[in-house]
PDB file of N, CA and C in Angstrom:
ATOM      1  N   MET A   1       9.788 -31.564 -13.041  1.00  0.00           N
ATOM      2  CA  MET A   1       9.946 -30.786 -14.351  1.00  0.00           C
ATOM      3  C   MET A   1       8.890 -29.839 -14.850  1.00  0.00           C
ATOM      4  N   THR A   2       9.251 -28.820 -14.648  1.00  0.00           N
ATOM      5  CA  THR A   2       8.237 -27.634 -15.152  1.00  0.00           C
ATOM      6  C   THR A   2       7.588 -28.088 -16.612  1.00  0.00           C
ATOM      7  N   VAL A   3       6.317 -27.959 -17.093  1.00  0.00           N
ATOM      8  CA  VAL A   3       6.014 -27.900 -18.577  1.00  0.00           C
ATOM      9  C   VAL A   3       5.165 -26.954 -18.727  1.00  0.00           C
ATOM     10  N   TYR A   4       5.984 -26.478 -19.777  1.00  0.00           N
ATOM     11  CA  TYR A   4       5.543 -25.459 -20.809  1.00  0.00           C
ATOM     12  C   TYR A   4       4.796 -25.328 -21.487  1.00  0.00           C
ATOM     13  N   ARG A   5       3.472 -24.730 -21.519  1.00  0.00           N
ATOM     14  CA  ARG A   5       2.502 -25.128 -22.617  1.00  0.00           C
ATOM     15  C   ARG A   5       2.731 -23.596 -23.846  1.00  0.00           C
ATOM     16  N   CYS A   6       2.355 -23.618 -25.069  1.00  0.00           N
ATOM     17  CA  CYS A   6       2.161 -22.550 -25.984  1.00  0.00           C
ATOM     18  C   CYS A   6       0.793 -21.893 -25.401  1.00  0.00           C
ATOM     19  N   LYS A   7       0.923 -20.200 -25.975  1.00  0.00           N
ATOM     20  CA  LYS A   7      -0.131 -19.493 -25.476  1.00  0.00           C
ATOM     21  C   LYS A   7      -1.540 -20.393 -25.828  1.00  0.00           C
ATOM     22  N   ARG A   8      -1.728 -20.663 -26.853  1.00  0.00           N
ATOM     23  CA  ARG A   8      -3.092 -21.360 -27.313  1.00  0.00           C
ATOM     24  C   ARG A   8      -3.066 -22.603 -26.637  1.00  0.00           C
ATOM     25  N   CYS A   9      -2.452 -23.626 -26.356  1.00  0.00           N
ATOM     26  CA  CYS A   9      -2.395 -24.710 -25.332  1.00  0.00           C
ATOM     27  C   CYS A   9      -3.037 -24.244 -23.959  1.00  0.00           C
ATOM     28  N   GLU A  10      -2.430 -23.319 -23.833  1.00  0.00           N
ATOM     29  CA  GLU A  10      -2.637 -23.053 -22.411  1.00  0.00           C
ATOM     30  C   GLU A  10      -3.988 -22.222 -21.953  1.00  0.00           C
ATOM     31  N   GLU A  11      -4.447 -21.555 -23.422  1.00  0.00           N
ATOM     32  CA  GLU A  11      -5.816 -20.840 -23.287  1.00  0.00           C
ATOM     33  C   GLU A  11      -7.038 -22.025 -23.375  1.00  0.00           C
ATOM     34  N   LYS A  12      -6.731 -22.742 -24.471  1.00  0.00           N
ATOM     35  CA  LYS A  12      -7.603 -24.048 -24.680  1.00  0.00           C
ATOM     36  C   LYS A  12      -7.408 -25.151 -23.283  1.00  0.00           C
ATOM     37  N   LYS A  13      -6.378 -25.245 -22.541  1.00  0.00           N
ATOM     38  CA  LYS A  13      -6.277 -26.336 -21.890  1.00  0.00           C
ATOM     39  C   LYS A  13      -5.806 -27.761 -22.562  1.00  0.00           C
ATOM     40  N   LEU A  14      -5.057 -27.443 -23.361  1.00  0.00           N
ATOM     41  CA  LEU A  14      -4.836 -28.378 -24.240  1.00  0.00           C
ATOM     42  C   LEU A  14      -3.166 -29.065 -23.645  1.00  0.00           C
ATOM     43  N   ARG A  15      -3.161 -30.293 -23.868  1.00  0.00           N
ATOM     44  CA  ARG A  15      -1.463 -30.557 -23.899  1.00  0.00           C
ATOM     45  C   ARG A  15      -0.763 -30.136 -24.782  1.00  0.00           C
ATOM     46  N   CYS A  16       0.616 -29.372 -24.733  1.00  0.00           N
ATOM     47  CA  CYS A  16       0.967 -29.246 -25.836  1.00  0.00           C
ATOM     48  C   CYS A  16       2.982 -29.837 -25.955  1.00  0.00           C
ATOM     49  N   PHE A  17       2.416 -30.639 -27.133  1.00  0.00           N
ATOM     50  CA  PHE A  17       3.861 -31.315 -27.294  1.00  0.00           C
ATOM     51  C   PHE A  17       4.704 -30.270 -28.326  1.00  0.00           C
ATOM     52  N   VAL A  18       5.683 -29.880 -27.595  1.00  0.00           N
ATOM     53  CA  VAL A  18       7.006 -28.656 -28.986  1.00  0.00           C
ATOM     54  C   VAL A  18       7.686 -29.538 -29.393  1.00  0.00           C
ATOM     55  N   ASP A  19       7.925 -29.216 -30.604  1.00  0.00           N
ATOM     56  CA  ASP A  19       8.633 -29.856 -31.590  1.00  0.00           C
ATOM     57  C   ASP A  19      10.049 -29.093 -31.229  1.00  0.00           C
ATOM     58  N   THR A  20      11.031 -29.611 -30.976  1.00  0.00           N
ATOM     59  CA  THR A  20      12.412 -28.766 -30.613  1.00  0.00           C
ATOM     60  C   THR A  20      13.343 -28.000 -31.866  1.00  0.00           C
ATOM     61  N   ALA A  21      12.788 -28.635 -32.752  1.00  0.00           N
ATOM     62  CA  ALA A  21      13.571 -28.596 -34.204  1.00  0.00           C
ATOM     63  C   ALA A  21      12.781 -27.505 -34.423  1.00  0.00           C
ATOM     64  N   THR A  22      11.118 -26.785 -34.644  1.00  0.00           N
ATOM     65  CA  THR A  22      10.714 -25.800 -34.893  1.00  0.00           C
ATOM     66  C   THR A  22      10.083 -25.053 -33.885  1.00  0.00           C
ATOM     67  N   GLY A  23      10.132 -25.428 -32.803  1.00  0.00           N
ATOM     68  CA  GLY A  23       9.781 -24.598 -31.543  1.00  0.00           C
ATOM     69  C   GLY A  23       8.331 -24.401 -31.362  1.00  0.00           C
ATOM     70  N   ARG A  24       7.647 -24.961 -32.172  1.00  0.00           N
ATOM     71  CA  ARG A  24       6.222 -25.076 -32.210  1.00  0.00           C
ATOM     72  C   ARG A  24       5.640 -26.025 -31.589  1.00  0.00           C
ATOM     73  N   CYS A  25       4.256 -26.143 -31.373  1.00  0.00           N
ATOM     74  CA  CYS A  25       3.532 -27.515 -30.776  1.00  0.00           C
ATOM     75  C   CYS A  25       3.195 -28.152 -31.970  1.00  0.00           C
ATOM     76  N   ALA A  26       2.808 -29.633 -31.834  1.00  0.00           N
ATOM     77  CA  ALA A  26       2.111 -30.147 -32.751  1.00  0.00           C
ATOM     78  C   ALA A  26       0.599 -29.688 -33.380  1.00  0.00           C
ATOM     79  N   GLY A  27       0.129 -29.569 -31.909  1.00  0.00           N
ATOM     80  CA  GLY A  27      -1.355 -29.138 -31.742  1.00  0.00           C
ATOM     81  C   GLY A  27      -1.879 -27.353 -32.791  1.00  0.00           C
ATOM     82  N   CYS A  28      -0.479 -26.977 -32.877  1.00  0.00           N
ATOM     83  CA  CYS A  28      -0.603 -25.446 -33.554  1.00  0.00           C
ATOM     84  C   CYS A  28      -0.079 -25.738 -34.765  1.00  0.00           C
ATOM     85  N   ILE A  29       0.932 -26.636 -34.962  1.00  0.00           N
ATOM     86  CA  ILE A  29       0.944 -26.910 -36.288  1.00  0.00           C
ATOM     87  C   ILE A  29      -0.144 -27.975 -37.239  1.00  0.00           C
ATOM     88  N   SER A  30      -0.775 -28.992 -36.580  1.00  0.00           N
ATOM     89  CA  SER A  30      -2.096 -29.497 -37.374  1.00  0.00           C
ATOM     90  C   SER A  30      -3.094 -28.643 -37.605  1.00  0.00           C
ATOM     91  N   VAL A  31      -3.449 -27.916 -36.648  1.00  0.00           N
ATOM     92  CA  VAL A  31      -4.361 -26.647 -37.417  1.00  0.00           C
ATOM     93  C   VAL A  31      -3.625 -25.311 -38.205  1.00  0.00           C
ATOM     94  N   GLY A  32      -2.215 -25.287 -38.155  1.00  0.00           N
ATOM     95  CA  GLY A  32      -2.015 -24.154 -38.689  1.00  0.00           C
ATOM     96  C   GLY A  32      -1.899 -22.811 -38.120  1.00  0.00           C
ATOM     97  N   ALA A  33      -2.301 -22.312 -36.795  1.00  0.00           N
ATOM     98  CA  ALA A  33      -2.111 -21.749 -35.891  1.00  0.00           C
ATOM     99  C   ALA A  33      -0.779 -21.259 -35.718  1.00  0.00           C
ATOM    100  N   GLU A  34      -0.547 -19.725 -35.253  1.00  0.00           N
ATOM    101  CA  GLU A  34       0.631 -19.439 -34.795  1.00  0.00           C
ATOM    102  C   GLU A  34       0.821 -20.020 -33.227  1.00  0.00           C
ATOM    103  N   CYS A  35       2.098 -20.300 -33.015  1.00  0.00           N
ATOM    104  CA  CYS A  35       2.319 -20.609 -31.695  1.00  0.00           C
ATOM    105  C   CYS A  35       3.716 -20.259 -31.344  1.00  0.00           C
ATOM    106  N   SER A  36       3.502 -19.603 -30.176  1.00  0.00           N
ATOM    107  CA  SER A  36       4.521 -19.330 -29.251  1.00  0.00           C
ATOM    108  C   SER A  36       4.348 -19.908 -28.016  1.00  0.00           C
ATOM    109  N   LEU A  37       5.599 -19.524 -27.351  1.00  0.00           N
ATOM    110  CA  LEU A  37       6.336 -20.364 -26.067  1.00  0.00           C
ATOM    111  C   LEU A  37       6.305 -19.222 -24.779  1.00  0.00           C
ATOM    112  N   PHE A  38       6.621 -17.767 -25.829  1.00  0.00           N
ATOM    113  CA  PHE A  38       7.169 -17.139 -24.990  1.00  0.00           C
ATOM    114  C   PHE A  38       5.592 -16.112 -24.972  1.00  0.00           C
ATOM    115  N   VAL A  39       5.948 -15.142 -23.822  1.00  0.00           N
ATOM    116  CA  VAL A  39       4.929 -14.059 -23.376  1.00  0.00           C
ATOM    117  C   VAL A  39       5.076 -12.897 -24.692  1.00  0.00           C
ATOM    118  N   SER A  40       3.994 -12.705 -25.024  1.00  0.00           N
ATOM    119  CA  SER A  40       3.727 -11.800 -26.252  1.00  0.00           C
ATOM    120  C   SER A  40       4.620 -10.369 -25.663  1.00  0.00           C
ATOM    121  N   GLU A  41       4.625  -9.557 -26.539  1.00  0.00           N
ATOM    122  CA  GLU A  41       5.743  -8.153 -26.367  1.00  0.00           C
ATOM    123  C   GLU A  41       4.072  -7.156 -25.756  1.00  0.00           C
ATOM    124  N   GLU A  42       3.154  -7.550 -26.320  1.00  0.00           N
ATOM    125  CA  GLU A  42       1.737  -7.079 -25.654  1.00  0.00           C
ATOM    126  C   GLU A  42       1.878  -7.189 -24.505  1.00  0.00           C
ATOM    127  N   GLU A  43       1.668  -7.990 -23.750  1.00  0.00           N
ATOM    128  CA  GLU A  43       1.319  -8.876 -22.887  1.00  0.00           C
ATOM    129  C   GLU A  43       2.459  -8.089 -21.435  1.00  0.00           C
ATOM    130  N   TRP A  44       3.790  -8.481 -22.112  1.00  0.00           N
ATOM    131  CA  TRP A  44       4.814  -7.628 -21.386  1.00  0.00           C
ATOM    132  C   TRP A  44       4.673  -6.270 -21.134  1.00  0.00           C
ATOM    133  N   GLU A  45       4.346  -5.262 -22.154  1.00  0.00           N
ATOM    134  CA  GLU A  45       3.781  -3.790 -22.080  1.00  0.00           C
ATOM    135  C   GLU A  45       2.783  -3.959 -21.096  1.00  0.00           C
ATOM    136  N   LYS A  46       1.749  -4.693 -21.169  1.00  0.00           N
ATOM    137  CA  LYS A  46       0.338  -4.270 -20.060  1.00  0.00           C
ATOM    138  C   LYS A  46       1.040  -4.782 -18.911  1.00  0.00           C
ATOM    139  N   VAL A  47       1.330  -5.596 -18.562  1.00  0.00           N
ATOM    140  CA  VAL A  47       2.194  -6.421 -16.941  1.00  0.00           C
ATOM    141  C   VAL A  47       2.362  -4.615 -16.571  1.00  0.00           C
ATOM    142  N   GLN A  48       3.546  -3.872 -17.495  1.00  0.00           N
ATOM    143  CA  GLN A  48       4.514  -3.198 -16.942  1.00  0.00           C
ATOM    144  C   GLN A  48       3.815  -1.899 -17.199  1.00  0.00           C
ATOM    145  N   ARG A  49       2.534  -1.879 -17.587  1.00  0.00           N
ATOM    146  CA  ARG A  49       1.986  -0.897 -17.392  1.00  0.00           C
ATOM    147  C   ARG A  49       0.795  -0.305 -16.028  1.00  0.00           C
ATOM    148  N   GLU A  50       0.814  -1.906 -15.767  1.00  0.00           N
ATOM    149  CA  GLU A  50      -0.042  -2.488 -14.761  1.00  0.00           C
ATOM    150  C   GLU A  50       0.892  -1.924 -13.311  1.00  0.00           C
ATOM    151  N   LYS A  51       2.108  -2.845 -13.333  1.00  0.00           N
ATOM    152  CA  LYS A  51       3.144  -1.800 -12.777  1.00  0.00           C
ATOM    153  C   LYS A  51       3.197  -0.655 -12.188  1.00  0.00           C
ATOM    154  N   ARG A  52       3.711   0.211 -13.278  1.00  0.00           N
ATOM    155  CA  ARG A  52       3.492   1.579 -13.419  1.00  0.00           C
ATOM    156  C   ARG A  52       2.316   2.057 -12.769  1.00  0.00           C
ATOM    157  N   GLN A  53       1.432   1.594 -12.849  1.00  0.00           N
ATOM    158  CA  GLN A  53       0.101   2.325 -12.313  1.00  0.00           C
ATOM    159  C   GLN A  53      -0.343   1.762 -11.065  1.00  0.00           C
ATOM    160  N   LYS A  54       0.429   0.611 -10.292  1.00  0.00           N
ATOM    161  CA  LYS A  54       0.336   0.030  -8.787  1.00  0.00           C
ATOM    162  C   LYS A  54       1.570   1.077  -8.044  1.00  0.00           C
ATOM    163  N   ARG A  55       2.598   1.208  -8.783  1.00  0.00           N
ATOM    164  CA  ARG A  55       3.613   2.177  -7.769  1.00  0.00           C
ATOM    165  C   ARG A  55       3.046   3.864  -7.981  1.00  0.00           C
ATOM    166  N   LEU A  56       2.345   4.047  -8.583  1.00  0.00           N
ATOM    167  CA  LEU A  56       1.791   5.500  -8.654  1.00  0.00           C
ATOM    168  C   LEU A  56       1.055   5.594  -7.512  1.00  0.00           C
ATOM    169  N   GLU A  57      -0.285   4.420  -7.668  1.00  0.00           N
ATOM    170  CA  GLU A  57      -1.583   4.215  -6.625  1.00  0.00           C
ATOM    171  C   GLU A  57      -0.656   4.208  -5.008  1.00  0.00           C
ATOM    172  N   LEU A  58       0.552   3.638  -4.923  1.00  0.00           N
ATOM    173  CA  LEU A  58       1.051   2.943  -3.408  1.00  0.00           C
ATOM    174  C   LEU A  58       1.732   4.587  -3.349  1.00  0.00           C
ATOM    175  N   ALA A  59       2.419   5.311  -4.497  1.00  0.00           N
ATOM    176  CA  ALA A  59       2.705   6.907  -4.039  1.00  0.00           C
ATOM    177  C   ALA A  59       2.009   7.844  -3.321  1.00  0.00           C
ATOM    178  N   ARG A  60       0.645   7.333  -3.738  1.00  0.00           N
ATOM    179  CA  ARG A  60      -0.394   8.366  -3.400  1.00  0.00           C
ATOM    180  C   ARG A  60      -0.771   8.262  -2.142  1.00  0.00           C
ATOM    181  N   ILE A  61      -0.853   6.712  -1.934  1.00  0.00           N
ATOM    182  CA  ILE A  61      -1.377   6.673  -0.738  1.00  0.00           C
ATOM    183  C   ILE A  61      -0.434   6.551   0.657  1.00  0.00           C
ATOM    184  N   GLU A  62       0.624   6.264   0.469  1.00  0.00           N
ATOM    185  CA  GLU A  62       2.006   7.042   1.472  1.00  0.00           C
ATOM    186  C   GLU A  62       1.939   8.574   1.140  1.00  0.00           C
ATOM    187  N   GLU A  63       2.005   9.117   0.534  1.00  0.00           N
ATOM    188  CA  GLU A  63       1.867  10.586   0.429  1.00  0.00           C
ATOM    189  C   GLU A  63       0.671  10.974   1.280  1.00  0.00           C
ATOM    190  N   ASP A  64      -0.921  10.181   1.641  1.00  0.00           N
ATOM    191  CA  ASP A  64      -1.722  10.303   1.792  1.00  0.00           C
ATOM    192  C   ASP A  64      -1.815   9.833   3.537  1.00  0.00           C
ATOM    193  N   ALA A  65      -0.936   8.827   3.622  1.00  0.00           N
ATOM    194  CA  ALA A  65      -0.386   8.825   5.015  1.00  0.00           C
ATOM    195  C   ALA A  65       0.159   9.328   5.889  1.00  0.00           C
ATOM    196  N   ALA A  66       1.376   9.847   4.913  1.00  0.00           N
ATOM    197  CA  ALA A  66       2.157  10.784   5.499  1.00  0.00           C
ATOM    198  C   ALA A  66       1.850  11.954   6.245  1.00  0.00           C
ATOM    199  N   ARG A  67       0.348  12.168   5.304  1.00  0.00           N
ATOM    200  CA  ARG A  67      -0.293  13.789   5.575  1.00  0.00           C
ATOM    201  C   ARG A  67      -1.170  13.548   6.606  1.00  0.00           C
ATOM    202  N   VAL A  68      -1.653  12.500   6.830  1.00  0.00           N
ATOM    203  CA  VAL A  68      -2.564  12.121   8.110  1.00  0.00           C
ATOM    204  C   VAL A  68      -1.620  11.896   9.153  1.00  0.00           C
ATOM    205  N   ARG A  69      -0.509  11.209   9.269  1.00  0.00           N
ATOM    206  CA  ARG A  69       0.291  11.419  10.253  1.00  0.00           C
ATOM    207  C   ARG A  69       0.954  12.789  10.769  1.00  0.00           C
ATOM    208  N   ARG A  70       1.086  13.311   9.790  1.00  0.00           N
ATOM    209  CA  ARG A  70       1.730  14.676  10.130  1.00  0.00           C
ATOM    210  C   ARG A  70       0.630  15.853  10.831  1.00  0.00           C
ATOM    211  N   GLU A  71      -0.937  15.394  10.116  1.00  0.00           N
ATOM    212  CA  GLU A  71      -2.249  15.997  11.112  1.00  0.00           C
ATOM    213  C   GLU A  71      -2.119  15.423  12.158  1.00  0.00           C
ATOM    214  N   LEU A  72      -2.071  14.238  13.108  1.00  0.00           N
ATOM    215  CA  LEU A  72      -2.244  13.543  13.880  1.00  0.00           C
ATOM    216  C   LEU A  72      -1.406  14.371  15.032  1.00  0.00           C
ATOM    217  N   LEU A  73      -0.260  14.270  14.626  1.00  0.00           N
ATOM    218  CA  LEU A  73       0.900  15.307  15.315  1.00  0.00           C
ATOM    219  C   LEU A  73       0.621  16.418  16.114  1.00  0.00           C
ATOM    220  N   GLU A  74      -0.013  17.036  14.721  1.00  0.00           N
ATOM    221  CA  GLU A  74      -0.496  18.665  14.988  1.00  0.00           C
ATOM    222  C   GLU A  74      -1.895  18.438  16.025  1.00  0.00           C
ATOM    223  N   VAL A  75      -2.794  17.433  15.897  1.00  0.00           N
ATOM    224  CA  VAL A  75      -3.924  17.472  16.985  1.00  0.00           C
ATOM    225  C   VAL A  75      -3.166  16.811  18.450  1.00  0.00           C
ATOM    226  N   GLU A  76      -2.075  15.918  18.207  1.00  0.00           N
ATOM    227  CA  GLU A  76      -1.803  15.261  19.600  1.00  0.00           C
ATOM    228  C   GLU A  76      -0.953  16.714  20.612  1.00  0.00           C
ATOM    229  N   ALA A  77       0.034  17.557  19.724  1.00  0.00           N
ATOM    230  CA  ALA A  77       0.542  18.638  19.854  1.00  0.00           C
ATOM    231  C   ALA A  77      -0.543  19.849  20.851  1.00  0.00           C
ATOM    232  N   ARG A  78      -1.405  19.801  19.885  1.00  0.00           N
ATOM    233  CA  ARG A  78      -2.477  21.012  20.679  1.00  0.00           C
ATOM    234  C   ARG A  78      -3.420  20.272  22.065  1.00  0.00           C
ATOM    235  N   GLU A  79      -3.447  18.849  22.028  1.00  0.00           N
ATOM    236  CA  GLU A  79      -3.791  18.121  22.909  1.00  0.00           C
ATOM    237  C   GLU A  79      -2.853  18.192  24.218  1.00  0.00           C
ATOM    238  N   HIS A  80      -1.880  18.594  23.987  1.00  0.00           N
ATOM    239  CA  HIS A  80      -0.747  18.584  24.862  1.00  0.00           C
ATOM    240  C   HIS A  80      -0.709  19.549  25.673  1.00  0.00           C
ATOM    241  N   ASP A  81      -0.715  20.792  24.479  1.00  0.00           N
ATOM    242  CA  ASP A  81      -1.260  22.172  24.909  1.00  0.00           C
ATOM    243  C   ASP A  81      -1.883  22.374  26.058  1.00  0.00           C
ATOM    244  N   PHE A  82      -3.473  21.456  25.799  1.00  0.00           N
ATOM    245  CA  PHE A  82      -4.712  21.839  26.612  1.00  0.00           C
ATOM    246  C   PHE A  82      -4.527  21.344  28.001  1.00  0.00           C
ATOM    247  N   ALA A  83      -3.671  20.299  27.701  1.00  0.00           N
ATOM    248  CA  ALA A  83      -3.208  19.477  29.245  1.00  0.00           C
ATOM    249  C   ALA A  83      -2.286  20.201  29.953  1.00  0.00           C
ATOM    250  N   ASP A  84      -1.414  21.219  29.361  1.00  0.00           N
ATOM    251  CA  ASP A  84      -0.495  21.566  30.387  1.00  0.00           C
ATOM    252  C   ASP A  84      -1.468  22.787  30.573  1.00  0.00           C
ATOM    253  N   ARG A  85      -2.460  23.832  30.000  1.00  0.00           N
ATOM    254  CA  ARG A  85      -3.172  24.724  29.968  1.00  0.00           C
ATOM    255  C   ARG A  85      -4.083  24.488  31.546  1.00  0.00           C
ATOM    256  N   ASP A  86      -4.809  23.513  31.265  1.00  0.00           N
ATOM    257  CA  ASP A  86      -5.452  22.759  32.538  1.00  0.00           C
ATOM    258  C   ASP A  86      -4.626  22.594  33.437  1.00  0.00           C
ATOM    259  N   LEU A  87      -3.509  21.966  33.478  1.00  0.00           N
ATOM    260  CA  LEU A  87      -2.875  21.637  34.948  1.00  0.00           C
ATOM    261  C   LEU A  87      -2.504  23.103  35.445  1.00  0.00           C
ATOM    262  N   ALA A  88      -1.732  23.842  34.552  1.00  0.00           N
ATOM    263  CA  ALA A  88      -1.548  25.376  35.195  1.00  0.00           C
ATOM    264  C   ALA A  88      -2.646  25.795  36.091  1.00  0.00           C
ATOM    265  N   ILE A  89      -3.862  25.547  35.432  1.00  0.00           N
ATOM    266  CA  ILE A  89      -5.056  26.424  35.785  1.00  0.00           C
ATOM    267  C   ILE A  89      -5.565  25.972  37.124  1.00  0.00           C
ATOM    268  N   LEU A  90      -5.052  24.196  37.323  1.00  0.00           N
ATOM    269  CA  LEU A  90      -5.233  23.772  38.669  1.00  0.00           C
ATOM    270  C   LEU A  90      -4.489  24.503  39.784  1.00  0.00           C
ATOM    271  N   ASN A  91      -3.367  24.123  39.156  1.00  0.00           N
ATOM    272  CA  ASN A  91      -2.185  24.897  39.992  1.00  0.00           C
ATOM    273  C   ASN A  91      -2.359  26.103  40.689  1.00  0.00           C
ATOM    274  N   PHE A  92      -3.139  26.983  40.005  1.00  0.00           N
ATOM    275  CA  PHE A  92      -3.089  28.198  40.076  1.00  0.00           C
ATOM    276  C   PHE A  92      -4.311  28.166  40.814  1.00  0.00           C
ATOM    277  N   GLN A  93      -5.134  27.456  40.974  1.00  0.00           N
ATOM    278  CA  GLN A  93      -6.263  27.605  42.070  1.00  0.00           C
ATOM    279  C   GLN A  93      -6.269  26.758  42.723  1.00  0.00           C
ATOM    280  N   ASP A  94      -5.195  25.769  43.107  1.00  0.00           N
ATOM    281  CA  ASP A  94      -5.049  25.399  44.460  1.00  0.00           C
ATOM    282  C   ASP A  94      -4.333  26.195  45.152  1.00  0.00           C
ATOM    283  N   ARG A  95      -3.158  26.944  44.663  1.00  0.00           N
ATOM    284  CA  ARG A  95      -2.163  27.656  45.223  1.00  0.00           C
ATOM    285  C   ARG A  95      -3.177  29.208  45.800  1.00  0.00           C
ATOM    286  N   ALA A  96      -4.457  29.225  44.874  1.00  0.00           N
ATOM    287  CA  ALA A  96      -5.429  30.508  45.579  1.00  0.00           C
ATOM    288  C   ALA A  96      -5.970  29.888  46.588  1.00  0.00           C
ATOM    289  N   LYS A  97      -6.612  28.671  46.875  1.00  0.00           N
ATOM    290  CA  LYS A  97      -7.401  27.975  47.754  1.00  0.00           C
ATOM    291  C   LYS A  97      -6.046  27.934  49.051  1.00  0.00           C
ATOM    292  N   GLU A  98      -5.303  27.661  49.054  1.00  0.00           N
ATOM    293  CA  GLU A  98      -3.992  27.589  49.586  1.00  0.00           C
ATOM    294  C   GLU A  98      -4.082  28.463  50.956  1.00  0.00           C
ATOM    295  N   GLN A  99      -4.002  30.094  49.932  1.00  0.00           N
ATOM    296  CA  GLN A  99      -3.510  31.001  50.371  1.00  0.00           C
ATOM    297  C   GLN A  99      -4.916  31.752  51.209  1.00  0.00           C
ATOM    298  N   ALA A 100      -6.246  31.771  50.124  1.00  0.00           N
ATOM    299  CA  ALA A 100      -7.095  32.053  50.644  1.00  0.00           C
ATOM    300  C   ALA A 100      -7.462  30.843  52.287  1.00  0.00           C
ATOM    301  N   GLU A 101      -7.297  29.792  52.224  1.00  0.00           N
ATOM    302  CA  GLU A 101      -7.151  29.180  53.735  1.00  0.00           C
ATOM    303  C   GLU A 101      -6.389  29.795  54.522  1.00  0.00           C
ATOM    304  N   GLY A 102      -5.017  30.076  54.100  1.00  0.00           N
ATOM    305  CA  GLY A 102      -4.468  30.463  55.162  1.00  0.00           C
ATOM    306  C   GLY A 102      -4.414  32.154  55.829  1.00  0.00           C
ATOM    307  N   SER A 103      -4.995  32.644  55.090  1.00  0.00           N
ATOM    308  CA  SER A 103      -5.164  33.964  55.345  1.00  0.00           C
ATOM    309  C   SER A 103      -6.315  33.880  55.816  1.00  0.00           C
ATOM    310  N   SER A 104      -7.741  33.203  56.113  1.00  0.00           N
ATOM    311  CA  SER A 104      -8.644  33.362  57.121  1.00  0.00           C
ATOM    312  C   SER A 104      -8.794  32.153  58.380  1.00  0.00           C
ATOM    313  N   ALA A 105      -7.380  31.271  58.371  1.00  0.00           N
ATOM    314  CA  ALA A 105      -7.249  30.954  59.641  1.00  0.00           C
ATOM    315  C   ALA A 105      -7.230  31.422  61.089  1.00  0.00           C
ATOM    316  N   PRO A 106      -7.670  31.309  61.873  1.00  0.00           N
ATOM    317  CA  PRO A 106      -7.208  31.884  63.004  1.00  0.00           C
ATOM    318  C   PRO A 106      -6.019  32.154  63.433  1.00  0.00           C
ATOM    319  N   GLY A 107      -5.467  33.258  63.815  1.00  0.00           N
ATOM    320  CA  GLY A 107      -3.987  33.390  64.014  1.00  0.00           C
ATOM    321  C   GLY A 107      -3.876  34.203  65.044  1.00  0.00           C
TER     322      GLY A 107
END
């Protein structure tokens, strides 16, 4: 069974004995402290703000990653163009060499 402690007992690392009739714990009652077993609205708002910030941060990172992927594709396309160009030049040189050898052969 999970044992829940009020915020004060949690922070002070105290055992928390909740009076089911009042919903407050004995420790808080004895010192007249505010006692809440629930997460405060302020804490909920804080975690929601953090969540929104993280979602925005992630969206920016994903946007950056998409931009880098696009740039990589552009570089790879340029690389492919270079390879095609060099291959065409090599083929041209081979044909020119074959023609030169064919025309200089004794016949």
